[in-house]
Structures are given as structure tokens and as C-alpha cells.
């Protein structure tokens, strides 16, 4: 083996060691105690898990919720230097559970009290999605609404006035297309801004049985 071959091998060896060291450091940084927690909630087939994957990447663990066979996915990500734990809760239609999955999702929200609850909704079916949004708000949870499938809604001729909807609900609204990643960075920004906002005890809308938000006014 010539001298030049030894130099090449040495350089590669140093490069490999540096890469291995960096991967260890990066892994350790994600093993730290999360500073904030975010729960993703929503009914099945709204793209919630895809948004979870977009937010977390490869740093994901899955386990059964204690005492159940229901799987819960947890991942971690840094936003503006803050380590967040992202929890993909089981699909739910209501805070009043009628299935084991809904009971687990409710327990996660009520017992762990995440810093932010992102309600992922299907923009094509906004009217059917909003009852859960209202339940989350009335439960005094810090809610951010992620309007997913906005591209599909547009194909159906559905236009949503997100500013009006945000004014009605008094929570942040983010338009997202999870399949392409559009809006994910804005969602990250809104999550961090809302979690960092000391005025989370903002005025909440009051909806009684005879008072529901006019989703048709927001969706045209």
C-alpha cells in the first residue's frame, strides 16, 4: 500500500469518526427532557399522523398507553432552540369517549395537559370537524387549528376565510397541505409563538347549546 493510499484511508477514518461523534451528540440532544409538549388530535383520516411525521422526522418512539393495547406515538423536535415532545394521540371524534382509543386520547389531554393542542381538521369537512374544536376550547386547552387538505378543499371550490375563523374561535388557524409539507414551517412557528405567549389565558369564546360558530360564514 502506497503512502497516498494511507493518507486517503486516514482522511476517511477521521471523517467517519467525526460523523459518528456528531450523530452521538445529536442523538443525546434529543434524549434530554422535553421543555414543552404538543399533542396532535383529530378524527381518523385527517392527515394527523402525516403532520406528526413532518414535525418529528426520525426521532419517534411508539408504545402502548399504560393499561391498554392502544399505541401512542411520541417524537421530538427542536423549534427555535426549544426541545418539544410531539404526541400523536389516537383518533377521536369527541372528548366524550365511545371507544378505547378516544378514552386514551382524552386521558392524554386531561392528565398530561400539553402546552399546545393542535387540532388537525379536514378542510373539506370543516363543519363536521368544529364540534371537537369547541370541546377542546371549552376544556381550557391551548388550541391551534391545523386546516389540512386545503388543496383538496380548493378542488371542491371551498374557500375558507382563515382570519374570520380565527376571530370566531379566538385561536390560531394554520392552513396546511401535509402531503407536500406546505404550511408545516408556519405551523411550527405558530406552535412556538403560542406556547411562548404568556397571554394564553386569553378570552375564550363561549358557546352554549344554542350558540355555535357559523362555520358556513368562514367556508364559502
N, C-alpha and C. Protein backbone atom coordinates (compact mmCIF):
# COMPACT_ATOMS: atom_id res chain seq x y z
N UNK A 1 0.86 -1.21 0.00
CA UNK A 1 0.00 0.00 0.00
C UNK A 1 0.88 1.24 0.00
N UNK A 2 0.59 2.15 -0.95
CA UNK A 2 1.38 3.34 -1.07
C UNK A 2 1.05 4.37 -0.01
N UNK A 3 1.92 5.37 0.07
CA UNK A 3 1.73 6.44 1.05
C UNK A 3 0.44 7.21 0.81
N UNK A 4 0.11 7.44 -0.49
CA UNK A 4 -1.12 8.18 -0.81
C UNK A 4 -2.36 7.43 -0.37
N UNK A 5 -2.34 6.08 -0.49
CA UNK A 5 -3.48 5.27 -0.05
C UNK A 5 -3.67 5.37 1.45
N UNK A 6 -2.58 5.39 2.19
CA UNK A 6 -2.66 5.51 3.65
C UNK A 6 -3.26 6.86 4.04
N UNK A 7 -2.88 7.91 3.33
CA UNK A 7 -3.40 9.25 3.63
C UNK A 7 -4.90 9.30 3.38
N UNK A 8 -5.34 8.69 2.24
CA UNK A 8 -6.77 8.66 1.91
C UNK A 8 -7.55 7.91 2.98
N UNK A 9 -7.03 6.74 3.40
CA UNK A 9 -7.70 5.96 4.43
C UNK A 9 -7.77 6.71 5.74
N UNK A 10 -6.69 7.42 6.06
CA UNK A 10 -6.67 8.19 7.31
C UNK A 10 -7.70 9.30 7.28
N UNK A 11 -7.81 9.99 6.12
CA UNK A 11 -8.78 11.06 5.99
C UNK A 11 -10.20 10.52 6.11
N UNK A 12 -10.44 9.37 5.47
CA UNK A 12 -11.77 8.76 5.55
C UNK A 12 -12.08 8.33 6.97
N UNK A 13 -11.07 7.81 7.64
CA UNK A 13 -11.26 7.36 9.01
C UNK A 13 -11.60 8.55 9.91
N UNK A 14 -10.90 9.66 9.72
CA UNK A 14 -11.19 10.86 10.51
C UNK A 14 -12.59 11.36 10.21
N UNK A 15 -12.96 11.37 8.93
CA UNK A 15 -14.31 11.81 8.53
C UNK A 15 -15.38 10.93 9.15
N UNK A 16 -15.15 9.61 9.16
CA UNK A 16 -16.13 8.69 9.73
C UNK A 16 -16.27 8.89 11.23
N UNK A 17 -15.12 9.13 11.89
CA UNK A 17 -15.16 9.35 13.35
C UNK A 17 -15.89 10.64 13.69
N UNK A 18 -15.65 11.68 12.89
CA UNK A 18 -16.35 12.96 13.12
C UNK A 18 -17.85 12.78 12.93
N UNK A 19 -18.25 12.05 11.87
CA UNK A 19 -19.67 11.82 11.60
C UNK A 19 -20.31 11.02 12.73
N UNK A 20 -19.59 10.01 13.22
CA UNK A 20 -20.11 9.19 14.32
C UNK A 20 -20.26 10.03 15.58
N UNK A 21 -19.24 10.86 15.85
CA UNK A 21 -19.32 11.74 17.02
C UNK A 21 -20.50 12.69 16.91
N UNK A 22 -20.71 13.29 15.76
CA UNK A 22 -21.79 14.25 15.56
C UNK A 22 -23.15 13.57 15.74
N UNK A 23 -23.27 12.36 15.20
CA UNK A 23 -24.54 11.64 15.34
C UNK A 23 -24.84 11.33 16.80
N UNK A 24 -23.79 10.99 17.57
CA UNK A 24 -23.98 10.73 19.01
C UNK A 24 -24.43 12.00 19.73
N UNK A 25 -23.77 13.11 19.41
CA UNK A 25 -24.14 14.38 20.04
C UNK A 25 -25.57 14.77 19.72
N UNK A 26 -25.93 14.58 18.45
CA UNK A 26 -27.28 14.93 18.02
C UNK A 26 -28.32 14.05 18.71
N UNK A 27 -27.99 12.75 18.83
CA UNK A 27 -28.91 11.84 19.49
C UNK A 27 -29.08 12.20 20.95
N UNK A 28 -27.98 12.54 21.63
CA UNK A 28 -28.06 12.91 23.04
C UNK A 28 -28.90 14.16 23.24
N UNK A 29 -28.82 15.10 22.30
CA UNK A 29 -29.59 16.33 22.43
C UNK A 29 -31.08 16.06 22.40
N UNK A 30 -31.50 15.01 21.68
CA UNK A 30 -32.91 14.67 21.62
C UNK A 30 -33.34 13.80 22.80
N UNK A 31 -32.37 13.26 23.53
CA UNK A 31 -32.69 12.42 24.68
C UNK A 31 -32.91 13.25 25.94
N UNK A 32 -32.68 14.54 25.86
CA UNK A 32 -32.89 15.42 27.02
C UNK A 32 -34.38 15.50 27.35
N UNK A 33 -34.68 15.98 28.54
CA UNK A 33 -36.08 16.15 28.95
C UNK A 33 -36.73 17.24 28.10
N UNK A 34 -37.86 16.93 27.44
CA UNK A 34 -38.52 17.96 26.62
C UNK A 34 -38.93 19.16 27.46
N UNK A 35 -38.79 20.32 26.87
CA UNK A 35 -39.16 21.55 27.58
C UNK A 35 -40.65 21.87 27.42
N UNK A 36 -41.24 21.41 26.33
CA UNK A 36 -42.66 21.63 26.09
C UNK A 36 -43.26 20.43 25.37
N UNK A 37 -44.57 20.29 25.52
CA UNK A 37 -45.26 19.15 24.88
C UNK A 37 -46.40 19.64 24.00
N UNK A 38 -46.53 18.99 22.86
CA UNK A 38 -47.59 19.30 21.91
C UNK A 38 -48.35 18.01 21.60
N UNK A 39 -49.66 18.05 21.69
CA UNK A 39 -50.49 16.90 21.35
C UNK A 39 -51.22 17.18 20.04
N UNK A 40 -51.13 16.25 19.12
CA UNK A 40 -51.90 16.33 17.88
C UNK A 40 -53.16 15.52 18.05
N UNK A 41 -54.31 16.13 17.83
CA UNK A 41 -55.58 15.42 17.97
C UNK A 41 -56.39 15.59 16.68
N UNK A 42 -57.33 14.68 16.50
CA UNK A 42 -58.19 14.76 15.33
C UNK A 42 -58.83 13.42 15.05
N UNK A 43 -59.86 13.44 14.25
CA UNK A 43 -60.53 12.21 13.87
C UNK A 43 -59.66 11.42 12.90
N UNK A 44 -59.95 10.15 12.69
CA UNK A 44 -59.16 9.35 11.74
C UNK A 44 -59.23 9.93 10.32
N UNK A 45 -58.17 9.70 9.58
CA UNK A 45 -58.10 10.06 8.14
C UNK A 45 -58.12 11.55 7.87
N UNK A 46 -57.56 12.35 8.78
CA UNK A 46 -57.44 13.79 8.52
C UNK A 46 -55.99 14.19 8.24
N UNK A 47 -55.08 13.21 8.22
CA UNK A 47 -53.68 13.50 7.96
C UNK A 47 -52.88 13.84 9.20
N UNK A 48 -53.40 13.47 10.36
CA UNK A 48 -52.73 13.80 11.62
C UNK A 48 -51.36 13.13 11.73
N UNK A 49 -51.28 11.86 11.39
CA UNK A 49 -50.01 11.15 11.51
C UNK A 49 -48.98 11.66 10.50
N UNK A 50 -49.43 12.09 9.34
CA UNK A 50 -48.51 12.65 8.36
C UNK A 50 -47.92 13.97 8.86
N UNK A 51 -48.75 14.78 9.50
CA UNK A 51 -48.25 16.02 10.09
C UNK A 51 -47.27 15.69 11.22
N UNK A 52 -47.58 14.66 12.00
CA UNK A 52 -46.67 14.21 13.07
C UNK A 52 -45.30 13.87 12.48
N UNK A 53 -45.30 13.11 11.38
CA UNK A 53 -44.04 12.72 10.75
C UNK A 53 -43.30 13.94 10.19
N UNK A 54 -44.04 14.90 9.65
CA UNK A 54 -43.42 16.11 9.13
C UNK A 54 -42.76 16.91 10.25
N UNK A 55 -43.36 16.90 11.42
CA UNK A 55 -42.83 17.68 12.54
C UNK A 55 -41.64 17.01 13.21
N UNK A 56 -41.64 15.69 13.27
CA UNK A 56 -40.67 14.98 14.11
C UNK A 56 -39.53 14.33 13.34
N UNK A 57 -39.75 13.89 12.12
CA UNK A 57 -38.72 13.17 11.39
C UNK A 57 -38.49 11.78 11.96
N UNK A 58 -37.23 11.45 12.26
CA UNK A 58 -36.89 10.07 12.64
C UNK A 58 -36.88 9.85 14.14
N UNK A 59 -37.01 10.90 14.93
CA UNK A 59 -36.90 10.75 16.39
C UNK A 59 -38.26 10.42 16.99
N UNK A 60 -38.66 9.14 16.83
CA UNK A 60 -40.00 8.70 17.20
C UNK A 60 -39.93 7.42 18.01
N UNK A 61 -40.77 7.33 19.04
CA UNK A 61 -40.94 6.08 19.79
C UNK A 61 -42.43 5.74 19.80
N UNK A 62 -42.71 4.45 19.90
CA UNK A 62 -44.10 4.01 19.96
C UNK A 62 -44.24 3.02 21.10
N UNK A 63 -45.32 3.15 21.86
CA UNK A 63 -45.56 2.24 22.97
C UNK A 63 -47.05 2.19 23.26
N UNK A 64 -47.46 1.14 23.93
CA UNK A 64 -48.86 1.05 24.35
C UNK A 64 -49.09 1.98 25.53
N UNK A 65 -50.23 2.66 25.52
CA UNK A 65 -50.58 3.50 26.66
C UNK A 65 -50.79 2.59 27.86
N UNK A 66 -50.29 2.98 29.04
CA UNK A 66 -50.36 2.11 30.23
C UNK A 66 -51.76 1.54 30.46
N UNK A 67 -51.80 0.21 30.62
CA UNK A 67 -53.05 -0.47 30.91
C UNK A 67 -53.93 -0.72 29.71
N UNK A 68 -53.42 -0.42 28.50
CA UNK A 68 -54.22 -0.60 27.29
C UNK A 68 -53.37 -1.24 26.19
N UNK A 69 -54.01 -1.56 25.08
CA UNK A 69 -53.30 -2.04 23.90
C UNK A 69 -53.26 -0.96 22.82
N UNK A 70 -53.61 0.26 23.19
CA UNK A 70 -53.64 1.38 22.24
C UNK A 70 -52.24 1.98 22.11
N UNK A 71 -51.78 2.07 20.86
CA UNK A 71 -50.45 2.61 20.61
C UNK A 71 -50.46 4.14 20.60
N UNK A 72 -49.41 4.69 21.19
CA UNK A 72 -49.23 6.14 21.19
C UNK A 72 -47.84 6.45 20.64
N UNK A 73 -47.78 7.32 19.66
CA UNK A 73 -46.51 7.70 19.04
C UNK A 73 -46.04 9.01 19.66
N UNK A 74 -44.75 9.04 20.01
CA UNK A 74 -44.15 10.25 20.56
C UNK A 74 -42.86 10.54 19.80
N UNK A 75 -42.69 11.79 19.45
CA UNK A 75 -41.48 12.21 18.76
C UNK A 75 -40.97 13.50 19.35
N UNK A 76 -39.79 13.92 18.90
CA UNK A 76 -39.19 15.14 19.43
C UNK A 76 -38.66 16.00 18.29
N UNK A 77 -38.68 17.28 18.51
CA UNK A 77 -38.16 18.21 17.53
C UNK A 77 -37.75 19.49 18.23
N UNK A 78 -36.81 20.19 17.65
CA UNK A 78 -36.41 21.50 18.16
C UNK A 78 -37.10 22.58 17.35
N UNK A 79 -37.69 23.54 18.04
CA UNK A 79 -38.25 24.72 17.41
C UNK A 79 -37.66 25.93 18.10
N UNK A 80 -36.93 26.73 17.35
CA UNK A 80 -36.28 27.93 17.90
C UNK A 80 -35.44 27.58 19.13
N UNK A 81 -34.73 26.44 19.06
CA UNK A 81 -33.84 26.05 20.14
C UNK A 81 -34.52 25.41 21.33
N UNK A 82 -35.84 25.24 21.27
CA UNK A 82 -36.59 24.63 22.37
C UNK A 82 -36.95 23.20 21.98
N UNK A 83 -36.69 22.24 22.87
CA UNK A 83 -37.00 20.84 22.59
C UNK A 83 -38.46 20.55 22.92
N UNK A 84 -39.20 20.15 21.89
CA UNK A 84 -40.62 19.81 22.03
C UNK A 84 -40.83 18.31 21.91
N UNK A 85 -41.71 17.78 22.74
CA UNK A 85 -42.21 16.43 22.53
C UNK A 85 -43.53 16.54 21.78
N UNK A 86 -43.65 15.82 20.67
CA UNK A 86 -44.86 15.81 19.87
C UNK A 86 -45.56 14.47 20.08
N UNK A 87 -46.82 14.51 20.48
CA UNK A 87 -47.57 13.29 20.77
C UNK A 87 -48.67 13.14 19.73
N UNK A 88 -48.65 11.99 19.03
CA UNK A 88 -49.70 11.67 18.07
C UNK A 88 -50.75 10.86 18.81
N UNK A 89 -51.83 11.51 19.22
CA UNK A 89 -52.86 10.83 20.01
C UNK A 89 -53.72 9.94 19.11
N UNK A 90 -54.36 8.92 19.66
CA UNK A 90 -55.27 8.09 18.87
C UNK A 90 -56.41 8.93 18.30
N UNK A 91 -56.95 8.48 17.17
CA UNK A 91 -58.04 9.22 16.54
C UNK A 91 -59.24 9.37 17.46
N UNK A 92 -59.84 10.56 17.43
CA UNK A 92 -61.01 10.80 18.28
C UNK A 92 -61.98 11.73 17.58
N UNK A 93 -63.25 11.52 17.84
CA UNK A 93 -64.29 12.38 17.29
C UNK A 93 -64.83 13.35 18.34
N UNK A 94 -64.65 12.98 19.60
CA UNK A 94 -65.24 13.77 20.67
C UNK A 94 -64.45 13.57 21.96
N UNK A 95 -64.56 14.55 22.86
CA UNK A 95 -63.97 14.41 24.18
C UNK A 95 -64.81 13.51 25.08
N UNK A 96 -65.99 13.14 24.60
CA UNK A 96 -66.85 12.21 25.33
C UNK A 96 -66.66 10.83 24.70
N UNK A 97 -65.75 10.03 25.25
CA UNK A 97 -65.28 8.83 24.57
C UNK A 97 -66.33 7.74 24.41
N UNK A 98 -66.28 7.10 23.25
CA UNK A 98 -67.14 5.94 22.98
C UNK A 98 -66.30 4.75 22.54
N UNK A 99 -64.98 4.88 22.60
CA UNK A 99 -64.08 3.78 22.24
C UNK A 99 -62.84 3.86 23.11
N UNK A 100 -62.07 2.78 23.12
CA UNK A 100 -60.84 2.75 23.92
C UNK A 100 -59.85 3.80 23.42
N UNK A 101 -59.80 3.98 22.09
CA UNK A 101 -58.88 4.98 21.53
C UNK A 101 -59.24 6.38 22.00
N UNK A 102 -60.52 6.69 22.02
CA UNK A 102 -60.94 8.01 22.47
C UNK A 102 -60.69 8.20 23.95
N UNK A 103 -60.85 7.14 24.73
CA UNK A 103 -60.58 7.24 26.16
C UNK A 103 -59.10 7.53 26.41
N UNK A 104 -58.23 6.88 25.65
CA UNK A 104 -56.79 7.13 25.79
C UNK A 104 -56.45 8.56 25.38
N UNK A 105 -57.02 9.01 24.27
CA UNK A 105 -56.75 10.38 23.81
C UNK A 105 -57.20 11.39 24.84
N UNK A 106 -58.36 11.18 25.43
CA UNK A 106 -58.86 12.10 26.45
C UNK A 106 -57.95 12.11 27.67
N UNK A 107 -57.52 10.93 28.11
CA UNK A 107 -56.63 10.86 29.27
C UNK A 107 -55.31 11.58 29.00
N UNK A 108 -54.79 11.42 27.80
CA UNK A 108 -53.56 12.12 27.45
C UNK A 108 -53.72 13.63 27.58
N UNK A 109 -54.85 14.13 27.10
CA UNK A 109 -55.08 15.57 27.13
C UNK A 109 -55.33 16.08 28.55
N UNK A 110 -56.13 15.35 29.29
CA UNK A 110 -56.55 15.82 30.61
C UNK A 110 -55.51 15.57 31.69
N UNK A 111 -54.74 14.50 31.57
CA UNK A 111 -53.76 14.17 32.61
C UNK A 111 -52.38 14.75 32.31
N UNK A 112 -51.96 14.75 31.05
CA UNK A 112 -50.65 15.28 30.72
C UNK A 112 -50.68 16.78 30.46
N UNK A 113 -51.86 17.32 30.15
CA UNK A 113 -52.04 18.76 29.94
C UNK A 113 -50.92 19.34 29.08
N UNK A 114 -50.88 19.00 27.80
CA UNK A 114 -49.82 19.52 26.92
C UNK A 114 -49.85 21.03 26.81
N UNK A 115 -48.71 21.60 26.46
CA UNK A 115 -48.61 23.06 26.34
C UNK A 115 -49.43 23.58 25.16
N UNK A 116 -49.52 22.77 24.11
CA UNK A 116 -50.30 23.13 22.94
C UNK A 116 -51.06 21.89 22.46
N UNK A 117 -52.30 22.09 22.04
CA UNK A 117 -53.08 21.02 21.40
C UNK A 117 -53.37 21.46 19.97
N UNK A 118 -52.81 20.73 19.02
CA UNK A 118 -53.04 21.03 17.61
C UNK A 118 -54.19 20.14 17.12
N UNK A 119 -55.31 20.79 16.82
CA UNK A 119 -56.44 20.04 16.28
C UNK A 119 -56.32 20.02 14.76
N UNK A 120 -56.05 18.83 14.22
CA UNK A 120 -55.92 18.66 12.77
C UNK A 120 -57.30 18.36 12.20
N UNK A 121 -57.74 19.20 11.26
CA UNK A 121 -59.07 19.02 10.69
C UNK A 121 -58.98 18.90 9.18
N UNK A 122 -59.97 18.22 8.61
CA UNK A 122 -60.10 18.10 7.16
C UNK A 122 -60.83 19.34 6.66
N UNK A 123 -60.12 20.17 5.90
CA UNK A 123 -60.71 21.44 5.45
C UNK A 123 -61.95 21.24 4.59
N UNK A 124 -62.08 20.06 3.95
CA UNK A 124 -63.25 19.78 3.11
C UNK A 124 -64.50 19.58 3.94
N UNK A 125 -64.29 19.18 5.20
CA UNK A 125 -65.42 18.85 6.07
C UNK A 125 -65.36 19.68 7.35
N UNK A 126 -65.14 20.96 7.19
CA UNK A 126 -64.92 21.84 8.34
C UNK A 126 -66.07 21.80 9.32
N UNK A 127 -67.29 21.80 8.82
CA UNK A 127 -68.46 21.87 9.70
C UNK A 127 -68.54 20.65 10.62
N UNK A 128 -68.15 19.48 10.10
CA UNK A 128 -68.18 18.26 10.92
C UNK A 128 -67.03 18.21 11.92
N UNK A 129 -65.97 18.96 11.64
CA UNK A 129 -64.78 18.94 12.48
C UNK A 129 -64.88 19.87 13.69
N UNK A 130 -65.63 20.95 13.54
CA UNK A 130 -65.61 22.02 14.55
C UNK A 130 -66.18 21.63 15.92
N UNK A 131 -67.13 20.70 16.04
CA UNK A 131 -67.60 20.36 17.39
C UNK A 131 -66.47 19.93 18.32
N UNK A 132 -65.51 19.15 17.82
CA UNK A 132 -64.38 18.75 18.67
C UNK A 132 -63.51 19.95 19.00
N UNK A 133 -63.34 20.86 18.03
CA UNK A 133 -62.58 22.08 18.30
C UNK A 133 -63.18 22.83 19.48
N UNK A 134 -64.49 22.96 19.47
CA UNK A 134 -65.17 23.69 20.56
C UNK A 134 -65.01 22.98 21.89
N UNK A 135 -65.08 21.66 21.88
CA UNK A 135 -64.91 20.90 23.11
C UNK A 135 -63.52 21.12 23.69
N UNK A 136 -62.52 21.14 22.82
CA UNK A 136 -61.13 21.36 23.27
C UNK A 136 -60.97 22.75 23.87
N UNK A 137 -61.59 23.74 23.22
CA UNK A 137 -61.51 25.12 23.72
C UNK A 137 -62.22 25.24 25.06
N UNK A 138 -63.41 24.63 25.16
CA UNK A 138 -64.18 24.71 26.40
C UNK A 138 -63.52 23.95 27.54
N UNK A 139 -62.64 22.98 27.18
CA UNK A 139 -61.88 22.25 28.21
C UNK A 139 -60.67 23.06 28.67
N UNK A 140 -60.56 24.31 28.18
CA UNK A 140 -59.50 25.24 28.56
C UNK A 140 -58.13 24.71 28.14
N UNK A 141 -58.10 24.06 26.97
CA UNK A 141 -56.83 23.61 26.41
C UNK A 141 -56.33 24.65 25.40
N UNK A 142 -55.04 24.89 25.35
CA UNK A 142 -54.48 25.87 24.41
C UNK A 142 -54.47 25.31 22.99
N UNK A 143 -55.41 25.71 22.17
CA UNK A 143 -55.67 25.08 20.89
C UNK A 143 -55.08 25.87 19.72
N UNK A 144 -54.50 25.13 18.78
CA UNK A 144 -54.13 25.64 17.47
C UNK A 144 -54.82 24.75 16.45
N UNK A 145 -55.51 25.32 15.50
CA UNK A 145 -56.21 24.54 14.49
C UNK A 145 -55.35 24.45 13.22
N UNK A 146 -55.08 23.22 12.77
CA UNK A 146 -54.36 23.00 11.52
C UNK A 146 -55.37 22.57 10.46
N UNK A 147 -55.66 23.46 9.54
CA UNK A 147 -56.59 23.16 8.44
C UNK A 147 -55.84 22.37 7.38
N UNK A 148 -55.96 21.06 7.42
CA UNK A 148 -55.24 20.21 6.48
C UNK A 148 -56.08 19.97 5.22
N UNK A 149 -55.42 19.49 4.17
CA UNK A 149 -56.08 19.17 2.90
C UNK A 149 -56.68 20.41 2.24
N UNK A 150 -56.01 21.53 2.41
CA UNK A 150 -56.51 22.75 1.80
C UNK A 150 -56.50 22.67 0.27
N UNK A 151 -55.58 21.90 -0.29
CA UNK A 151 -55.54 21.73 -1.73
C UNK A 151 -56.77 20.98 -2.24
N UNK A 152 -57.21 19.96 -1.48
CA UNK A 152 -58.39 19.21 -1.87
C UNK A 152 -59.65 20.06 -1.72
N UNK A 153 -59.67 20.88 -0.66
CA UNK A 153 -60.81 21.78 -0.47
C UNK A 153 -60.94 22.73 -1.66
N UNK A 154 -59.80 23.23 -2.13
CA UNK A 154 -59.81 24.16 -3.27
C UNK A 154 -60.37 23.49 -4.52
N UNK A 155 -60.06 22.20 -4.70
CA UNK A 155 -60.57 21.47 -5.86
C UNK A 155 -62.09 21.35 -5.83
N UNK A 156 -62.64 21.35 -4.62
CA UNK A 156 -64.10 21.29 -4.47
C UNK A 156 -64.72 22.69 -4.48
N UNK A 157 -63.90 23.68 -4.71
CA UNK A 157 -64.40 25.05 -4.74
C UNK A 157 -64.67 25.64 -3.38
N UNK A 158 -64.09 25.05 -2.34
CA UNK A 158 -64.29 25.53 -0.97
C UNK A 158 -63.22 26.54 -0.62
N UNK A 159 -63.63 27.73 -0.24
CA UNK A 159 -62.72 28.77 0.20
C UNK A 159 -62.97 29.07 1.66
N UNK A 160 -61.93 29.06 2.45
CA UNK A 160 -62.06 29.27 3.90
C UNK A 160 -61.37 30.56 4.29
N UNK A 161 -62.14 31.43 4.92
CA UNK A 161 -61.59 32.69 5.43
C UNK A 161 -60.95 32.39 6.79
N UNK A 162 -59.66 32.11 6.77
CA UNK A 162 -58.98 31.69 8.00
C UNK A 162 -58.94 32.80 9.04
N UNK A 163 -58.85 34.05 8.59
CA UNK A 163 -58.83 35.16 9.54
C UNK A 163 -60.18 35.28 10.26
N UNK A 164 -61.27 35.11 9.52
CA UNK A 164 -62.59 35.17 10.13
C UNK A 164 -62.78 34.01 11.10
N UNK A 165 -62.34 32.83 10.68
CA UNK A 165 -62.47 31.66 11.55
C UNK A 165 -61.66 31.84 12.83
N UNK A 166 -60.47 32.40 12.70
CA UNK A 166 -59.64 32.66 13.89
C UNK A 166 -60.31 33.67 14.82
N UNK A 167 -60.96 34.67 14.24
CA UNK A 167 -61.67 35.66 15.05
C UNK A 167 -62.84 35.03 15.77
N UNK A 168 -63.55 34.12 15.09
CA UNK A 168 -64.72 33.48 15.69
C UNK A 168 -64.31 32.57 16.84
N UNK A 169 -63.26 31.77 16.62
CA UNK A 169 -62.85 30.78 17.61
C UNK A 169 -61.87 31.32 18.65
N UNK A 170 -61.22 32.45 18.32
CA UNK A 170 -60.21 33.03 19.21
C UNK A 170 -59.01 32.11 19.42
N UNK A 171 -58.65 31.37 18.37
CA UNK A 171 -57.47 30.52 18.40
C UNK A 171 -56.74 30.68 17.06
N UNK A 172 -55.44 30.40 17.02
CA UNK A 172 -54.70 30.49 15.76
C UNK A 172 -55.16 29.43 14.76
N UNK A 173 -55.19 29.81 13.48
CA UNK A 173 -55.56 28.90 12.40
C UNK A 173 -54.40 28.85 11.41
N UNK A 174 -53.98 27.65 11.03
CA UNK A 174 -52.88 27.48 10.08
C UNK A 174 -53.35 26.59 8.93
N UNK A 175 -53.17 27.05 7.71
CA UNK A 175 -53.50 26.24 6.53
C UNK A 175 -52.33 25.32 6.21
N UNK A 176 -52.64 24.03 5.98
CA UNK A 176 -51.59 23.04 5.79
C UNK A 176 -51.96 22.09 4.65
N UNK A 177 -50.95 21.66 3.92
CA UNK A 177 -51.09 20.54 2.98
C UNK A 177 -50.02 19.53 3.38
N UNK A 178 -50.40 18.57 4.21
CA UNK A 178 -49.42 17.66 4.82
C UNK A 178 -48.71 16.80 3.79
N UNK A 179 -49.39 16.47 2.70
CA UNK A 179 -48.79 15.59 1.69
C UNK A 179 -47.58 16.23 1.01
N UNK A 180 -47.57 17.54 0.91
CA UNK A 180 -46.45 18.24 0.27
C UNK A 180 -45.56 18.96 1.27
N UNK A 181 -46.03 19.10 2.51
CA UNK A 181 -45.27 19.83 3.52
C UNK A 181 -45.59 21.31 3.56
N UNK A 182 -46.48 21.75 2.69
CA UNK A 182 -46.84 23.17 2.66
C UNK A 182 -47.51 23.58 3.96
N UNK A 183 -47.02 24.64 4.56
CA UNK A 183 -47.60 25.16 5.80
C UNK A 183 -47.01 24.58 7.07
N UNK A 184 -46.13 23.56 6.94
CA UNK A 184 -45.57 22.93 8.13
C UNK A 184 -44.66 23.89 8.90
N UNK A 185 -43.85 24.65 8.17
CA UNK A 185 -42.98 25.61 8.85
C UNK A 185 -43.79 26.69 9.56
N UNK A 186 -44.87 27.11 8.93
CA UNK A 186 -45.75 28.10 9.58
C UNK A 186 -46.40 27.49 10.82
N UNK A 187 -46.77 26.21 10.74
CA UNK A 187 -47.35 25.53 11.90
C UNK A 187 -46.34 25.47 13.03
N UNK A 188 -45.11 25.15 12.72
CA UNK A 188 -44.05 25.14 13.74
C UNK A 188 -43.91 26.51 14.38
N UNK A 189 -43.93 27.53 13.55
CA UNK A 189 -43.78 28.90 14.07
C UNK A 189 -44.93 29.26 14.99
N UNK A 190 -46.15 28.92 14.60
CA UNK A 190 -47.34 29.24 15.39
C UNK A 190 -47.35 28.44 16.70
N UNK A 191 -46.95 27.18 16.63
CA UNK A 191 -46.87 26.36 17.84
C UNK A 191 -45.94 27.02 18.86
N UNK A 192 -44.76 27.42 18.40
CA UNK A 192 -43.78 28.01 19.32
C UNK A 192 -44.25 29.37 19.83
N UNK A 193 -44.82 30.17 18.94
CA UNK A 193 -45.28 31.50 19.35
C UNK A 193 -46.41 31.39 20.37
N UNK A 194 -47.31 30.44 20.16
CA UNK A 194 -48.45 30.27 21.07
C UNK A 194 -47.98 29.71 22.41
N UNK A 195 -47.06 28.74 22.36
CA UNK A 195 -46.55 28.15 23.61
C UNK A 195 -45.74 29.16 24.40
N UNK A 196 -45.11 30.10 23.70
CA UNK A 196 -44.28 31.09 24.37
C UNK A 196 -45.07 32.30 24.83
N UNK A 197 -46.32 32.38 24.41
CA UNK A 197 -47.14 33.55 24.72
C UNK A 197 -47.63 33.47 26.15
N UNK A 198 -47.27 34.45 26.93
CA UNK A 198 -47.68 34.45 28.34
C UNK A 198 -49.15 34.83 28.50
N UNK A 199 -49.79 35.22 27.38
CA UNK A 199 -51.19 35.63 27.47
C UNK A 199 -52.12 34.52 27.00
N UNK A 200 -51.71 33.27 27.27
CA UNK A 200 -52.56 32.15 26.85
C UNK A 200 -53.90 32.17 27.57
N UNK A 201 -53.96 32.86 28.70
CA UNK A 201 -55.24 32.97 29.40
C UNK A 201 -56.09 34.04 28.73
N UNK A 202 -56.12 33.96 27.40
CA UNK A 202 -56.87 34.93 26.65
C UNK A 202 -58.36 34.69 26.78
N UNK A 203 -59.15 35.64 26.32
CA UNK A 203 -60.60 35.47 26.36
C UNK A 203 -61.00 34.34 25.44
N UNK A 204 -61.76 33.41 25.96
CA UNK A 204 -62.23 32.28 25.17
C UNK A 204 -63.66 32.54 24.73
N UNK A 205 -64.04 32.10 23.53
CA UNK A 205 -65.43 32.25 23.11
C UNK A 205 -66.32 31.35 23.94
N UNK A 206 -67.52 31.79 24.23
CA UNK A 206 -68.47 30.98 24.98
C UNK A 206 -69.56 30.51 24.04
N UNK A 207 -69.67 29.17 23.92
CA UNK A 207 -70.67 28.58 23.04
C UNK A 207 -71.60 27.71 23.88
N UNK A 208 -72.83 28.06 23.89
CA UNK A 208 -73.82 27.24 24.56
C UNK A 208 -74.49 26.32 23.56
N UNK A 209 -75.50 25.61 23.98
CA UNK A 209 -76.20 24.69 23.08
C UNK A 209 -76.86 25.44 21.94
N UNK A 210 -77.28 26.66 22.22
CA UNK A 210 -77.97 27.43 21.19
C UNK A 210 -77.03 28.39 20.48
N UNK A 211 -75.75 28.29 20.78
CA UNK A 211 -74.79 29.22 20.17
C UNK A 211 -73.62 28.43 19.64
N UNK A 212 -73.54 28.29 18.30
CA UNK A 212 -72.47 27.58 17.65
C UNK A 212 -71.82 28.51 16.65
N UNK A 213 -70.51 28.34 16.41
CA UNK A 213 -69.83 29.18 15.45
C UNK A 213 -70.39 28.96 14.05
N UNK A 214 -70.50 30.00 13.27
CA UNK A 214 -71.03 29.91 11.93
C UNK A 214 -69.92 29.47 10.99
N UNK A 215 -69.71 28.15 10.88
CA UNK A 215 -68.66 27.65 10.01
C UNK A 215 -68.94 27.96 8.55
N UNK A 216 -70.21 28.08 8.20
CA UNK A 216 -70.57 28.37 6.82
C UNK A 216 -70.16 29.78 6.43
N UNK A 217 -70.07 30.66 7.43
CA UNK A 217 -69.63 32.02 7.13
C UNK A 217 -68.15 32.05 6.81
N UNK A 218 -67.40 31.15 7.44
CA UNK A 218 -65.95 31.09 7.19
C UNK A 218 -65.62 30.29 5.94
N UNK A 219 -66.43 29.26 5.66
CA UNK A 219 -66.19 28.42 4.49
C UNK A 219 -67.20 28.74 3.41
N UNK A 220 -66.74 29.20 2.31
CA UNK A 220 -67.62 29.57 1.19
C UNK A 220 -67.23 28.77 -0.04
